[in-house]
Amino acid sequence: MPTASHTRKLFGLTVRQNAHPDMRRLRREAGEPSLHGNKFWKSSCLTMDYLKKHPLKTGARVLDLGCGWGLGGIFCAKQFDARVTGLDADPSVFPFVHYHAELNGVSVDTWRCRYERVTADDLSRFDAVIGTDICFWDKLESPLYNLTRRALKAGVGRVVLVDPGRSPFRRLAERAEEKLGADYQEWTVNRPMKATGCLMIAGETGA
């Protein structure tokens, strides 16, 4: 079977690569995602490694921002029995989310929405917010900063945003560090694949 070479094992998850026949089929059926949700991003390893070392509470309600294939949220569902909602502005990513959730024996809800439209009332329904590789344009810095601020005011226990280190994200993290008391730090993972980047953690780490 040629499919074995198109599958990765990451932090207890099974992840298909783009060349896998199922991924090609999903792209034909759903269309190519338009907002960079078109593959596995290595920064997901940083998210999973951080959460493995700083676990969420069992059964936490998690919002996965700009979820793409949803691997961070799926990790939370599998590792912490979390109730996960994957948010993305591009609904063509959702078949990839549901596929990988089913592949890993969990379920994830999906929600089509833009960051600026997520209200404080929406956020009050979650215990934690995560987001990986989502601050790649300058224009995303303010919406994500404002969402983080709304989340903390709404009682979200922890916001964890992760990025390979682009300048819009670094500005976001520095702003959150200064004004919201967030923790901004570099992070490196060597296994199962090498990835480097930075994390912004706002709120209580026990959330």
C-alpha atoms as a PDB file:
ATOM      1  CA  MET A   1       0.000   0.000   0.000  1.00  0.00           C
ATOM      2  CA  PRO A   2       1.524   3.349  -0.963  1.00  0.00           C
ATOM      3  CA  THR A   3      -0.557   5.179   1.640  1.00  0.00           C
ATOM      4  CA  ALA A   4       1.728   4.299   4.566  1.00  0.00           C
ATOM      5  CA  SER A   5       4.376   6.709   3.290  1.00  0.00           C
ATOM      6  CA  HIS A   6       1.781   9.500   3.260  1.00  0.00           C
ATOM      7  CA  THR A   7       0.902   9.200   6.950  1.00  0.00           C
ATOM      8  CA  ARG A   8       2.583  10.730   9.995  1.00  0.00           C
ATOM      9  CA  LYS A   9       2.337   9.891  13.675  1.00  0.00           C
ATOM     10  CA  LEU A  10       2.499  13.046  15.798  1.00  0.00           C
ATOM     11  CA  PHE A  11       1.920  13.265  19.559  1.00  0.00           C
ATOM     12  CA  GLY A  12      -0.414  10.280  19.479  1.00  0.00           C
ATOM     13  CA  LEU A  13      -2.290  11.468  16.377  1.00  0.00           C
ATOM     14  CA  THR A  14      -2.454   9.905  12.947  1.00  0.00           C
ATOM     15  CA  VAL A  15      -2.097  12.625  10.305  1.00  0.00           C
ATOM     16  CA  ARG A  16      -2.476  12.217   6.563  1.00  0.00           C
ATOM     17  CA  GLN A  17      -0.181  14.120   4.243  1.00  0.00           C
ATOM     18  CA  ASN A  18      -1.352  15.956   1.147  1.00  0.00           C
ATOM     19  CA  ALA A  19      -0.268  13.163  -1.191  1.00  0.00           C
ATOM     20  CA  HIS A  20      -2.488  10.606   0.586  1.00  0.00           C
ATOM     21  CA  PRO A  21      -5.364   9.450  -1.670  1.00  0.00           C
ATOM     22  CA  ASP A  22      -7.944  10.489   0.921  1.00  0.00           C
ATOM     23  CA  MET A  23      -6.551  14.033   0.981  1.00  0.00           C
ATOM     24  CA  ARG A  24      -6.652  14.217  -2.805  1.00  0.00           C
ATOM     25  CA  ARG A  25     -10.248  13.002  -2.730  1.00  0.00           C
ATOM     26  CA  LEU A  26     -11.248  15.585  -0.138  1.00  0.00           C
ATOM     27  CA  ARG A  27      -9.663  18.365  -2.200  1.00  0.00           C
ATOM     28  CA  ARG A  28     -11.645  17.251  -5.221  1.00  0.00           C
ATOM     29  CA  GLU A  29     -14.874  17.136  -3.244  1.00  0.00           C
ATOM     30  CA  ALA A  30     -14.467  20.239  -1.062  1.00  0.00           C
ATOM     31  CA  GLY A  31     -12.203  22.388  -3.200  1.00  0.00           C
ATOM     32  CA  GLU A  32      -8.822  23.798  -2.230  1.00  0.00           C
ATOM     33  CA  PRO A  33      -8.908  25.755   1.055  1.00  0.00           C
ATOM     34  CA  SER A  34      -8.324  29.426   0.293  1.00  0.00           C
ATOM     35  CA  LEU A  35      -6.888  30.788   3.573  1.00  0.00           C
ATOM     36  CA  HIS A  36      -3.783  28.614   3.975  1.00  0.00           C
ATOM     37  CA  GLY A  37      -5.714  25.724   5.529  1.00  0.00           C
ATOM     38  CA  ASN A  38      -4.369  23.423   2.879  1.00  0.00           C
ATOM     39  CA  LYS A  39      -1.885  21.240   4.757  1.00  0.00           C
ATOM     40  CA  PHE A  40      -0.383  20.254   8.085  1.00  0.00           C
ATOM     41  CA  TRP A  41       1.694  23.120   9.496  1.00  0.00           C
ATOM     42  CA  LYS A  42       4.760  22.217  11.561  1.00  0.00           C
ATOM     43  CA  SER A  43       3.815  24.775  14.216  1.00  0.00           C
ATOM     44  CA  SER A  44       1.071  22.341  15.260  1.00  0.00           C
ATOM     45  CA  CYS A  45       3.883  20.331  16.869  1.00  0.00           C
ATOM     46  CA  LEU A  46       4.711  23.353  19.041  1.00  0.00           C
ATOM     47  CA  THR A  47       1.082  23.621  20.130  1.00  0.00           C
ATOM     48  CA  MET A  48       0.846  19.941  20.994  1.00  0.00           C
ATOM     49  CA  ASP A  49       4.202  19.877  22.771  1.00  0.00           C
ATOM     50  CA  TYR A  50       3.259  22.890  24.897  1.00  0.00           C
ATOM     51  CA  LEU A  51      -0.134  21.416  25.806  1.00  0.00           C
ATOM     52  CA  LYS A  52       1.426  18.049  26.604  1.00  0.00           C
ATOM     53  CA  LYS A  53       3.695  19.811  29.111  1.00  0.00           C
ATOM     54  CA  HIS A  54       0.974  22.203  30.344  1.00  0.00           C
ATOM     55  CA  PRO A  55      -2.225  20.135  30.099  1.00  0.00           C
ATOM     56  CA  LEU A  56      -5.759  21.433  29.930  1.00  0.00           C
ATOM     57  CA  LYS A  57      -8.298  20.213  32.441  1.00  0.00           C
ATOM     58  CA  THR A  58     -10.110  17.047  31.483  1.00  0.00           C
ATOM     59  CA  GLY A  59     -13.281  17.860  29.569  1.00  0.00           C
ATOM     60  CA  ALA A  60     -12.248  21.458  28.842  1.00  0.00           C
ATOM     61  CA  ARG A  61     -14.266  23.367  26.261  1.00  0.00           C
ATOM     62  CA  VAL A  62     -11.777  24.430  23.592  1.00  0.00           C
ATOM     63  CA  LEU A  63     -12.079  26.866  20.695  1.00  0.00           C
ATOM     64  CA  ASP A  64      -9.510  26.189  17.959  1.00  0.00           C
ATOM     65  CA  LEU A  65      -9.094  29.462  16.023  1.00  0.00           C
ATOM     66  CA  GLY A  66      -8.310  29.339  12.327  1.00  0.00           C
ATOM     67  CA  CYS A  67      -8.366  25.598  12.754  1.00  0.00           C
ATOM     68  CA  GLY A  68      -7.323  24.510   9.256  1.00  0.00           C
ATOM     69  CA  TRP A  69      -7.139  20.732   9.493  1.00  0.00           C
ATOM     70  CA  GLY A  70      -7.928  21.031  13.205  1.00  0.00           C
ATOM     71  CA  LEU A  71      -5.017  19.033  14.557  1.00  0.00           C
ATOM     72  CA  GLY A  72      -4.500  21.153  17.671  1.00  0.00           C
ATOM     73  CA  GLY A  73      -8.127  20.753  18.637  1.00  0.00           C
ATOM     74  CA  ILE A  74      -8.126  17.057  17.766  1.00  0.00           C
ATOM     75  CA  PHE A  75      -5.100  16.623  20.023  1.00  0.00           C
ATOM     76  CA  CYS A  76      -7.046  18.307  22.846  1.00  0.00           C
ATOM     77  CA  ALA A  77     -10.059  16.076  22.239  1.00  0.00           C
ATOM     78  CA  LYS A  78      -7.939  12.925  22.302  1.00  0.00           C
ATOM     79  CA  GLN A  79      -5.522  13.891  25.075  1.00  0.00           C
ATOM     80  CA  PHE A  80      -7.858  15.712  27.469  1.00  0.00           C
ATOM     81  CA  ASP A  81     -11.316  14.506  26.418  1.00  0.00           C
ATOM     82  CA  ALA A  82     -11.935  18.144  25.470  1.00  0.00           C
ATOM     83  CA  ARG A  83     -15.106  19.374  23.796  1.00  0.00           C
ATOM     84  CA  VAL A  84     -13.652  21.128  20.780  1.00  0.00           C
ATOM     85  CA  THR A  85     -15.020  23.622  18.292  1.00  0.00           C
ATOM     86  CA  GLY A  86     -12.887  24.370  15.248  1.00  0.00           C
ATOM     87  CA  LEU A  87     -13.417  27.885  13.900  1.00  0.00           C
ATOM     88  CA  ASP A  88     -12.383  28.939  10.419  1.00  0.00           C
ATOM     89  CA  ALA A  89     -13.503  31.554   7.909  1.00  0.00           C
ATOM     90  CA  ASP A  90     -13.068  29.008   5.109  1.00  0.00           C
ATOM     91  CA  PRO A  91     -15.583  26.140   5.338  1.00  0.00           C
ATOM     92  CA  SER A  92     -13.672  24.068   2.788  1.00  0.00           C
ATOM     93  CA  VAL A  93     -11.297  23.034   5.593  1.00  0.00           C
ATOM     94  CA  PHE A  94     -14.052  21.369   7.618  1.00  0.00           C
ATOM     95  CA  PRO A  95     -14.085  18.046   5.694  1.00  0.00           C
ATOM     96  CA  PHE A  96     -10.370  17.740   6.567  1.00  0.00           C
ATOM     97  CA  VAL A  97     -11.153  18.460  10.225  1.00  0.00           C
ATOM     98  CA  HIS A  98     -13.901  15.843  10.418  1.00  0.00           C
ATOM     99  CA  TYR A  99     -11.810  13.322   8.506  1.00  0.00           C
ATOM    100  CA  HIS A 100      -8.864  13.627  10.902  1.00  0.00           C
ATOM    101  CA  ALA A 101     -11.131  13.674  13.947  1.00  0.00           C
ATOM    102  CA  GLU A 102     -12.771  10.413  12.861  1.00  0.00           C
ATOM    103  CA  LEU A 103      -9.382   8.935  11.967  1.00  0.00           C
ATOM    104  CA  ASN A 104      -8.262   9.624  15.544  1.00  0.00           C
ATOM    105  CA  GLY A 105     -11.450   8.432  17.241  1.00  0.00           C
ATOM    106  CA  VAL A 106     -12.822  11.801  18.381  1.00  0.00           C
ATOM    107  CA  SER A 107     -15.385  14.341  17.224  1.00  0.00           C
ATOM    108  CA  VAL A 108     -15.019  18.089  16.697  1.00  0.00           C
ATOM    109  CA  ASP A 109     -17.694  20.688  16.066  1.00  0.00           C
ATOM    110  CA  THR A 110     -17.014  23.282  13.367  1.00  0.00           C
ATOM    111  CA  TRP A 111     -17.979  26.931  13.128  1.00  0.00           C
ATOM    112  CA  ARG A 112     -17.582  29.222  10.135  1.00  0.00           C
ATOM    113  CA  CYS A 113     -16.723  32.666  11.473  1.00  0.00           C
ATOM    114  CA  ARG A 114     -14.173  35.474  11.250  1.00  0.00           C
ATOM    115  CA  TYR A 115     -12.175  36.483  14.319  1.00  0.00           C
ATOM    116  CA  GLU A 116     -13.704  39.929  14.650  1.00  0.00           C
ATOM    117  CA  ARG A 117     -17.211  38.458  14.764  1.00  0.00           C
ATOM    118  CA  VAL A 118     -16.536  36.221  17.759  1.00  0.00           C
ATOM    119  CA  THR A 119     -18.295  37.970  20.637  1.00  0.00           C
ATOM    120  CA  ALA A 120     -17.573  37.976  24.349  1.00  0.00           C
ATOM    121  CA  ASP A 121     -20.760  35.957  24.814  1.00  0.00           C
ATOM    122  CA  ASP A 122     -19.460  33.368  22.337  1.00  0.00           C
ATOM    123  CA  LEU A 123     -16.130  33.200  24.146  1.00  0.00           C
ATOM    124  CA  SER A 124     -17.736  32.795  27.568  1.00  0.00           C
ATOM    125  CA  ARG A 125     -18.732  29.280  26.498  1.00  0.00           C
ATOM    126  CA  PHE A 126     -15.100  28.142  26.322  1.00  0.00           C
ATOM    127  CA  ASP A 127     -12.439  27.329  28.899  1.00  0.00           C
ATOM    128  CA  ALA A 128      -9.485  27.644  26.513  1.00  0.00           C
ATOM    129  CA  VAL A 129      -8.720  29.156  23.127  1.00  0.00           C
ATOM    130  CA  ILE A 130      -5.905  27.882  20.920  1.00  0.00           C
ATOM    131  CA  GLY A 131      -4.623  29.013  17.551  1.00  0.00           C
ATOM    132  CA  THR A 132      -1.713  27.863  15.406  1.00  0.00           C
ATOM    133  CA  ASP A 133      -0.151  29.693  12.462  1.00  0.00           C
ATOM    134  CA  ILE A 134      -3.000  32.184  12.256  1.00  0.00           C
ATOM    135  CA  CYS A 135      -1.283  35.602  12.431  1.00  0.00           C
ATOM    136  CA  PHE A 136       0.411  35.582   9.035  1.00  0.00           C
ATOM    137  CA  TRP A 137      -0.799  38.986   7.761  1.00  0.00           C
ATOM    138  CA  ASP A 138      -0.401  42.434   9.331  1.00  0.00           C
ATOM    139  CA  LYS A 139      -4.165  42.943   9.209  1.00  0.00           C
ATOM    140  CA  LEU A 140      -4.723  39.922  11.485  1.00  0.00           C
ATOM    141  CA  GLU A 141      -2.745  41.350  14.399  1.00  0.00           C
ATOM    142  CA  SER A 142      -5.453  43.654  15.785  1.00  0.00           C
ATOM    143  CA  PRO A 143      -8.397  41.230  15.385  1.00  0.00           C
ATOM    144  CA  LEU A 144      -6.458  38.525  17.226  1.00  0.00           C
ATOM    145  CA  TYR A 145      -5.282  40.878  19.953  1.00  0.00           C
ATOM    146  CA  ASN A 146      -8.861  42.111  20.437  1.00  0.00           C
ATOM    147  CA  LEU A 147     -10.174  38.553  20.492  1.00  0.00           C
ATOM    148  CA  THR A 148      -7.610  37.619  23.144  1.00  0.00           C
ATOM    149  CA  ARG A 149      -8.655  40.606  25.244  1.00  0.00           C
ATOM    150  CA  ARG A 150     -12.366  39.716  24.856  1.00  0.00           C
ATOM    151  CA  ALA A 151     -11.619  36.111  25.766  1.00  0.00           C
ATOM    152  CA  LEU A 152      -9.909  37.044  29.025  1.00  0.00           C
ATOM    153  CA  LYS A 153     -12.706  39.452  29.957  1.00  0.00           C
ATOM    154  CA  ALA A 154     -15.250  36.728  29.158  1.00  0.00           C
ATOM    155  CA  GLY A 155     -13.584  34.345  31.626  1.00  0.00           C
ATOM    156  CA  VAL A 156     -11.641  32.112  29.240  1.00  0.00           C
ATOM    157  CA  GLY A 157      -8.974  30.510  31.393  1.00  0.00           C
ATOM    158  CA  ARG A 158      -6.201  30.294  28.835  1.00  0.00           C
ATOM    159  CA  VAL A 159      -5.425  31.586  25.347  1.00  0.00           C
ATOM    160  CA  VAL A 160      -2.523  29.886  23.559  1.00  0.00           C
ATOM    161  CA  LEU A 161      -1.428  31.234  20.174  1.00  0.00           C
ATOM    162  CA  VAL A 162       1.525  29.705  18.336  1.00  0.00           C
ATOM    163  CA  ASP A 163       3.487  30.826  15.292  1.00  0.00           C
ATOM    164  CA  PRO A 164       6.790  30.103  13.550  1.00  0.00           C
ATOM    165  CA  GLY A 165       7.834  33.664  14.385  1.00  0.00           C
ATOM    166  CA  ARG A 166       6.440  35.998  11.748  1.00  0.00           C
ATOM    167  CA  SER A 167       6.627  39.718  12.504  1.00  0.00           C
ATOM    168  CA  PRO A 168       2.805  40.238  12.774  1.00  0.00           C
ATOM    169  CA  PHE A 169       2.637  37.528  15.427  1.00  0.00           C
ATOM    170  CA  ARG A 170       5.608  38.924  17.331  1.00  0.00           C
ATOM    171  CA  ARG A 171       3.942  42.327  17.423  1.00  0.00           C
ATOM    172  CA  LEU A 172       0.736  40.696  18.640  1.00  0.00           C
ATOM    173  CA  ALA A 173       2.580  38.785  21.361  1.00  0.00           C
ATOM    174  CA  GLU A 174       4.534  41.841  22.509  1.00  0.00           C
ATOM    175  CA  ARG A 175       1.324  43.874  22.687  1.00  0.00           C
ATOM    176  CA  ALA A 176      -0.439  41.150  24.661  1.00  0.00           C
ATOM    177  CA  GLU A 177       2.558  40.794  26.962  1.00  0.00           C
ATOM    178  CA  GLU A 178       2.575  44.522  27.693  1.00  0.00           C
ATOM    179  CA  LYS A 179      -1.168  45.155  27.978  1.00  0.00           C
ATOM    180  CA  LEU A 180      -2.729  41.811  28.927  1.00  0.00           C
ATOM    181  CA  GLY A 181       0.004  40.252  31.049  1.00  0.00           C
ATOM    182  CA  ALA A 182       0.562  37.478  28.506  1.00  0.00           C
ATOM    183  CA  ASP A 183       3.638  35.262  28.491  1.00  0.00           C
ATOM    184  CA  TYR A 184       5.639  35.479  25.245  1.00  0.00           C
ATOM    185  CA  GLN A 185       8.341  32.868  24.733  1.00  0.00           C
ATOM    186  CA  GLU A 186      10.336  30.934  22.163  1.00  0.00           C
ATOM    187  CA  TRP A 187       9.615  27.210  21.793  1.00  0.00           C
ATOM    188  CA  THR A 188      11.453  24.365  20.069  1.00  0.00           C
ATOM    189  CA  VAL A 189      10.501  20.773  19.333  1.00  0.00           C
ATOM    190  CA  ASN A 190      12.987  18.204  17.994  1.00  0.00           C
ATOM    191  CA  ARG A 191      10.743  15.134  17.789  1.00  0.00           C
ATOM    192  CA  PRO A 192       8.774  13.762  16.019  1.00  0.00           C
ATOM    193  CA  MET A 193       9.859  16.578  13.690  1.00  0.00           C
ATOM    194  CA  LYS A 194      11.944  19.687  14.238  1.00  0.00           C
ATOM    195  CA  ALA A 195       9.975  22.891  14.633  1.00  0.00           C
ATOM    196  CA  THR A 196      10.796  26.264  16.127  1.00  0.00           C
ATOM    197  CA  GLY A 197       8.652  29.285  16.835  1.00  0.00           C
ATOM    198  CA  CYS A 198       7.070  31.297  19.586  1.00  0.00           C
ATOM    199  CA  LEU A 199       4.093  31.097  21.899  1.00  0.00           C
ATOM    200  CA  MET A 200       1.801  33.671  23.413  1.00  0.00           C
ATOM    201  CA  ILE A 201       0.014  32.387  26.518  1.00  0.00           C
ATOM    202  CA  ALA A 202      -2.565  34.601  28.193  1.00  0.00           C
ATOM    203  CA  GLY A 203      -4.603  33.735  31.276  1.00  0.00           C
ATOM    204  CA  GLU A 204      -4.155  31.027  33.871  1.00  0.00           C
ATOM    205  CA  THR A 205      -2.093  28.016  32.818  1.00  0.00           C
ATOM    206  CA  GLY A 206      -4.370  25.692  34.801  1.00  0.00           C
ATOM    207  CA  ALA A 207      -7.366  26.340  32.549  1.00  0.00           C
END
